[in-house]
Amino acid sequence: MKNLFIYGGLLLSAVALSSCNEDFDDWANLQKNDQEATAAAYGLNFTGSGVDLDMNAEEVQDSLDIIAVTSSNANVANVIVKGVTVNGLAIPYVLKGTTVRVSTFKLDSIAKESLKSQKCEKRALNVTASTSAILTSGEAVAISGSATQNETPIKTPDVDAKGYFMLGNVNDNGWTPNKPVWMTETKDGSHIYTAAVKTTGDTNWFKFFGGSGYVGDGTTWDNVNPVAFGCAKNGDPATFNYLSWKNVQTPIIQGAGTWIVTFNANTWTYTVSNQ
């Protein structure tokens, strides 16, 4: 008899657990459906700026209304913007109602970071706004929508027809302008240049230079300084970084060893990796 009561209790527990699981599944599905609710179902419109932003323009506006959210559904009492991303990266913004305004220079910076490139070309950026649609019933529905923002970064230098070389604490160069450490193009027309270099110190400073600055044994700093490339922050040890051609600062390689240094004149980035 005790066994029957025990089995009965287990059966009731199983039924109760199954019922709870079903309730949880229903709730989870409801939440999932809310998250996947389409903008159209609630009359939400996500409108881009309609402006092709060009950072090379004679006058560049300092901010831009990047996306606006409106609703045409009578059941939606209010829309709250919860967050905005550009190519998946969060961007700081200010709101005027449900219109999102951002700094154009921050937009350019985030576009560069998301694409890992400074290539000067018109690029279509994906702007996504996450919102809560507040219904007249009091319920809140999470809805996301996107718009496209076209943006062109500042012009990069022309690719040097004579290639690129390094100076600095590499290959015992000693910052001697007429003793360059030449980089090799990976293949003709690739505009990607590499060099295997050796370092001996804990902190090894270096810069890149355009090959047009080398004029033979008589090369001086007056020749190479106008075609110098480095980074934005002096002493930056980053192994992936963006090349700077204005207010050029000096990057470093940390530690002694042999390294593969790559100069990418397509994306205007450089990398340093262990051989």
Protein backbone atom coordinates (compact mmCIF):
# COMPACT_ATOMS: atom_id res chain seq x y z
CA MET A 1 0.00 0.00 0.00
CA LYS A 2 2.86 2.36 0.87
CA ASN A 3 4.36 1.66 -2.53
CA LEU A 4 1.10 2.64 -4.23
CA PHE A 5 1.08 5.96 -2.37
CA ILE A 6 4.70 6.57 -3.30
CA TYR A 7 4.10 5.80 -6.98
CA GLY A 8 0.97 7.93 -6.90
CA GLY A 9 2.93 10.82 -5.42
CA LEU A 10 5.61 10.49 -8.07
CA LEU A 11 2.96 10.42 -10.81
CA LEU A 12 1.31 13.56 -9.43
CA SER A 13 4.71 15.26 -9.19
CA ALA A 14 5.45 14.35 -12.79
CA VAL A 15 2.10 15.71 -13.93
CA ALA A 16 2.62 18.90 -11.94
CA LEU A 17 6.15 19.31 -13.33
CA SER A 18 4.90 18.73 -16.86
CA SER A 19 2.19 21.32 -16.31
CA CYS A 20 4.76 23.82 -14.98
CA ASN A 21 7.04 23.18 -17.96
CA GLU A 22 4.15 23.74 -20.35
CA ASP A 23 3.29 27.01 -18.60
CA PHE A 24 6.95 28.07 -18.79
CA ASP A 25 7.13 27.12 -22.48
CA ASP A 26 4.00 29.14 -23.18
CA TRP A 27 5.47 32.12 -21.34
CA ALA A 28 8.83 31.76 -23.08
CA ASN A 29 7.15 31.53 -26.47
CA LEU A 30 5.11 34.63 -25.68
CA GLN A 31 8.28 36.50 -24.75
CA LYS A 32 10.00 35.26 -27.89
CA ASN A 33 7.07 36.29 -30.04
CA ASP A 34 7.14 39.75 -28.44
CA GLN A 35 10.84 40.07 -29.17
CA GLU A 36 10.29 39.03 -32.76
CA ALA A 37 7.30 41.26 -33.29
CA THR A 38 7.65 43.05 -36.58
CA ALA A 39 7.63 46.80 -36.83
CA ALA A 40 4.89 46.56 -39.43
CA ALA A 41 2.55 44.76 -37.04
CA TYR A 42 2.62 47.77 -34.72
CA GLY A 43 2.91 50.43 -37.40
CA LEU A 44 6.48 51.43 -36.49
CA ASN A 45 8.58 53.19 -39.11
CA PHE A 46 12.36 53.52 -38.88
CA THR A 47 13.54 56.34 -41.14
CA GLY A 48 17.14 57.17 -41.94
CA SER A 49 18.62 60.63 -42.35
CA GLY A 50 18.55 60.60 -46.15
CA VAL A 51 21.91 62.41 -46.02
CA ASP A 52 25.05 61.04 -47.68
CA LEU A 53 27.65 62.14 -45.15
CA ASP A 54 31.05 62.97 -46.68
CA MET A 55 33.82 63.73 -44.20
CA ASN A 56 35.77 65.38 -47.05
CA ALA A 57 33.15 68.06 -47.66
CA GLU A 58 34.18 71.69 -47.35
CA GLU A 59 31.89 72.00 -44.36
CA VAL A 60 31.08 68.89 -42.32
CA GLN A 61 28.14 69.15 -39.94
CA ASP A 62 29.03 68.25 -36.37
CA SER A 63 25.92 66.10 -35.75
CA LEU A 64 23.27 64.23 -37.70
CA ASP A 65 19.71 62.93 -37.12
CA ILE A 66 20.66 59.36 -37.93
CA ILE A 67 17.33 57.55 -37.46
CA ALA A 68 13.77 58.51 -36.45
CA VAL A 69 11.08 56.18 -35.12
CA THR A 70 7.39 56.87 -35.63
CA SER A 71 4.19 54.87 -35.27
CA SER A 72 0.94 55.01 -37.22
CA ASN A 73 -0.87 52.42 -35.09
CA ALA A 74 -3.66 53.72 -32.84
CA ASN A 75 -2.90 50.93 -30.37
CA VAL A 76 0.61 52.33 -29.76
CA ALA A 77 0.50 55.07 -27.14
CA ASN A 78 4.23 55.79 -27.05
CA VAL A 79 7.59 54.60 -28.37
CA ILE A 80 10.74 54.61 -26.24
CA VAL A 81 14.19 54.32 -27.89
CA LYS A 82 16.32 52.02 -25.74
CA GLY A 83 19.57 51.84 -27.71
CA VAL A 84 21.21 52.47 -31.08
CA THR A 85 23.98 50.59 -32.88
CA VAL A 86 25.96 51.19 -36.06
CA ASN A 87 27.12 47.98 -37.74
CA GLY A 88 26.48 46.25 -34.42
CA LEU A 89 28.49 48.67 -32.25
CA ALA A 90 26.76 50.93 -29.73
CA ILE A 91 26.96 54.65 -30.45
CA PRO A 92 26.33 57.54 -28.02
CA TYR A 93 23.29 59.60 -28.98
CA VAL A 94 20.83 62.23 -27.84
CA LEU A 95 17.09 62.07 -28.34
CA LYS A 96 14.62 64.65 -29.50
CA GLY A 97 11.41 62.76 -29.02
CA THR A 98 12.11 59.56 -30.94
CA THR A 99 14.65 61.11 -33.32
CA VAL A 100 18.22 59.97 -32.68
CA ARG A 101 21.05 62.47 -33.16
CA VAL A 102 24.74 61.50 -33.14
CA SER A 103 28.11 63.15 -33.59
CA THR A 104 29.29 62.80 -37.18
CA PHE A 105 32.88 62.34 -36.03
CA LYS A 106 31.82 59.60 -33.59
CA LEU A 107 29.88 57.97 -36.42
CA ASP A 108 33.01 58.02 -38.59
CA SER A 109 35.07 56.54 -35.75
CA ILE A 110 32.61 53.72 -35.08
CA ALA A 111 32.32 52.95 -38.80
CA LYS A 112 36.11 52.65 -38.96
CA GLU A 113 36.17 50.36 -35.94
CA SER A 114 33.32 48.15 -37.15
CA LEU A 115 34.89 47.72 -40.60
CA LYS A 116 38.52 47.69 -39.38
CA SER A 117 39.28 49.97 -42.28
CA GLN A 118 39.99 53.60 -43.14
CA LYS A 119 39.53 53.05 -46.88
CA CYS A 120 38.13 56.17 -48.49
CA GLU A 121 34.99 54.87 -50.14
CA LYS A 122 31.28 55.42 -49.72
CA ARG A 123 30.04 52.84 -47.24
CA ALA A 124 26.50 51.85 -46.31
CA LEU A 125 26.24 51.61 -42.53
CA ASN A 126 23.49 49.66 -40.81
CA VAL A 127 21.82 51.74 -38.09
CA THR A 128 19.59 49.76 -35.72
CA ALA A 129 17.34 51.26 -33.06
CA SER A 130 16.01 49.06 -30.24
CA THR A 131 12.68 50.35 -28.94
CA SER A 132 9.78 49.58 -26.65
CA ALA A 133 6.34 50.18 -28.10
CA ILE A 134 4.01 51.08 -25.23
CA LEU A 135 0.51 49.90 -26.12
CA THR A 136 -2.71 51.57 -25.00
CA SER A 137 -3.33 48.42 -22.94
CA GLY A 138 -0.21 49.22 -20.91
CA GLU A 139 1.86 46.38 -22.37
CA ALA A 140 5.37 47.03 -23.70
CA VAL A 141 6.58 45.26 -26.85
CA ALA A 142 10.26 45.15 -27.79
CA ILE A 143 10.75 46.05 -31.45
CA SER A 144 13.92 46.76 -33.40
CA GLY A 145 14.26 48.37 -36.80
CA SER A 146 17.02 49.52 -39.10
CA ALA A 147 17.93 52.16 -41.65
CA THR A 148 20.95 52.74 -43.88
CA GLN A 149 23.35 55.63 -43.37
CA ASN A 150 25.83 56.38 -46.17
CA GLU A 151 29.16 57.78 -45.05
CA THR A 152 32.53 58.47 -46.69
CA PRO A 153 35.63 58.81 -44.48
CA ILE A 154 38.44 61.29 -45.07
CA LYS A 155 40.71 60.72 -48.06
CA THR A 156 43.69 58.48 -47.43
CA PRO A 157 47.11 59.16 -48.99
CA ASP A 158 47.80 57.81 -52.46
CA VAL A 159 49.60 54.48 -52.51
CA ASP A 160 53.32 55.11 -52.91
CA ALA A 161 54.43 53.64 -56.22
CA LYS A 162 57.87 52.94 -54.73
CA GLY A 163 56.52 50.95 -51.82
CA TYR A 164 57.25 51.38 -48.11
CA PHE A 165 60.06 50.90 -45.63
CA MET A 166 60.59 51.01 -41.87
CA LEU A 167 63.01 52.94 -39.69
CA GLY A 168 63.56 52.51 -35.98
CA ASN A 169 64.70 49.93 -33.47
CA VAL A 170 64.38 47.09 -35.96
CA ASN A 171 67.15 45.07 -37.65
CA ASP A 172 69.76 47.26 -35.89
CA ASN A 173 68.68 50.15 -38.09
CA GLY A 174 69.20 52.79 -35.43
CA TRP A 175 66.95 55.36 -37.11
CA THR A 176 69.34 55.89 -39.99
CA PRO A 177 67.34 57.41 -42.91
CA ASN A 178 69.60 56.05 -45.63
CA LYS A 179 69.48 52.50 -44.24
CA PRO A 180 65.83 51.56 -44.69
CA VAL A 181 64.27 48.21 -43.82
CA TRP A 182 62.29 47.64 -47.00
CA MET A 183 58.91 45.94 -46.98
CA THR A 184 57.85 43.50 -49.71
CA GLU A 185 54.51 43.67 -51.51
CA THR A 186 52.70 40.35 -51.04
CA LYS A 187 51.88 40.31 -54.75
CA ASP A 188 51.89 42.91 -57.51
CA GLY A 189 49.07 45.37 -57.05
CA SER A 190 47.96 44.01 -53.65
CA HIS A 191 49.06 47.20 -51.84
CA ILE A 192 49.87 45.02 -48.83
CA TYR A 193 53.49 45.08 -47.68
CA THR A 194 55.29 42.91 -45.14
CA ALA A 195 58.69 42.72 -43.48
CA ALA A 196 60.27 40.26 -41.06
CA VAL A 197 62.14 42.31 -38.48
CA LYS A 198 64.23 41.55 -35.42
CA THR A 199 64.12 43.50 -32.18
CA THR A 200 66.48 43.31 -29.22
CA GLY A 201 65.03 45.69 -26.64
CA ASP A 202 62.03 45.64 -24.33
CA THR A 203 60.54 48.67 -26.09
CA ASN A 204 61.25 49.10 -29.81
CA TRP A 205 60.12 52.30 -31.54
CA PHE A 206 59.49 52.42 -35.27
CA LYS A 207 57.72 54.24 -38.11
CA PHE A 208 56.76 53.56 -41.70
CA PHE A 209 57.84 55.71 -44.65
CA GLY A 210 56.84 55.96 -48.29
CA GLY A 211 59.47 54.68 -50.72
CA SER A 212 59.41 57.97 -52.61
CA GLY A 213 61.26 59.52 -49.67
CA TYR A 214 64.32 57.36 -50.25
CA VAL A 215 66.79 58.98 -52.67
CA GLY A 216 69.78 56.76 -52.11
CA ASP A 217 72.75 57.05 -49.75
CA GLY A 218 72.14 60.76 -49.40
CA THR A 219 68.65 60.30 -47.89
CA THR A 220 68.04 62.60 -44.92
CA TRP A 221 65.18 63.29 -42.52
CA ASP A 222 64.14 66.14 -44.78
CA ASN A 223 63.42 63.49 -47.43
CA VAL A 224 61.55 60.98 -45.30
CA ASN A 225 59.61 63.10 -42.81
CA PRO A 226 57.01 64.26 -45.39
CA VAL A 227 56.12 60.61 -46.14
CA ALA A 228 56.10 59.30 -42.56
CA PHE A 229 53.29 57.11 -41.20
CA GLY A 230 52.67 55.99 -37.65
CA CYS A 231 49.86 55.90 -35.12
CA ALA A 232 47.70 58.44 -33.29
CA LYS A 233 49.04 57.79 -29.76
CA ASN A 234 52.76 57.98 -29.07
CA GLY A 235 54.18 54.71 -27.78
CA ASP A 236 51.11 52.69 -28.76
CA PRO A 237 51.96 48.95 -28.48
CA ALA A 238 48.81 47.73 -30.30
CA THR A 239 49.44 44.75 -32.58
CA PHE A 240 46.55 45.90 -34.81
CA ASN A 241 46.27 49.61 -35.37
CA TYR A 242 45.18 52.37 -37.73
CA LEU A 243 47.82 54.27 -39.66
CA SER A 244 48.11 57.98 -39.10
CA TRP A 245 49.49 60.39 -41.69
CA LYS A 246 48.73 63.63 -39.83
CA ASN A 247 50.28 64.45 -36.46
CA VAL A 248 52.16 61.17 -36.81
CA GLN A 249 53.11 59.48 -33.53
CA THR A 250 55.53 56.60 -33.03
CA PRO A 251 54.30 53.06 -32.31
CA ILE A 252 56.34 50.42 -30.51
CA ILE A 253 56.96 46.69 -30.65
CA GLN A 254 57.17 45.22 -27.18
CA GLY A 255 59.93 42.69 -26.50
CA ALA A 256 62.85 41.11 -28.28
CA GLY A 257 62.23 38.66 -31.08
CA THR A 258 61.39 38.24 -34.73
CA TRP A 259 58.18 39.82 -35.98
CA ILE A 260 56.10 40.02 -39.12
CA VAL A 261 54.99 43.59 -39.69
CA THR A 262 52.26 44.24 -42.26
CA PHE A 263 51.38 47.61 -43.81
CA ASN A 264 47.97 47.53 -45.55
CA ALA A 265 47.60 50.49 -47.90
CA ASN A 266 44.05 49.42 -48.79
CA THR A 267 42.57 49.73 -45.31
CA TRP A 268 45.36 51.94 -43.93
CA THR A 269 46.04 49.64 -41.01
CA TYR A 270 49.11 47.79 -39.78
CA THR A 271 49.69 44.63 -37.77
CA VAL A 272 52.57 43.17 -35.78
CA SER A 273 52.72 39.45 -35.09
CA ASN A 274 55.24 36.90 -33.85
CA GLN A 275 56.93 34.99 -36.63
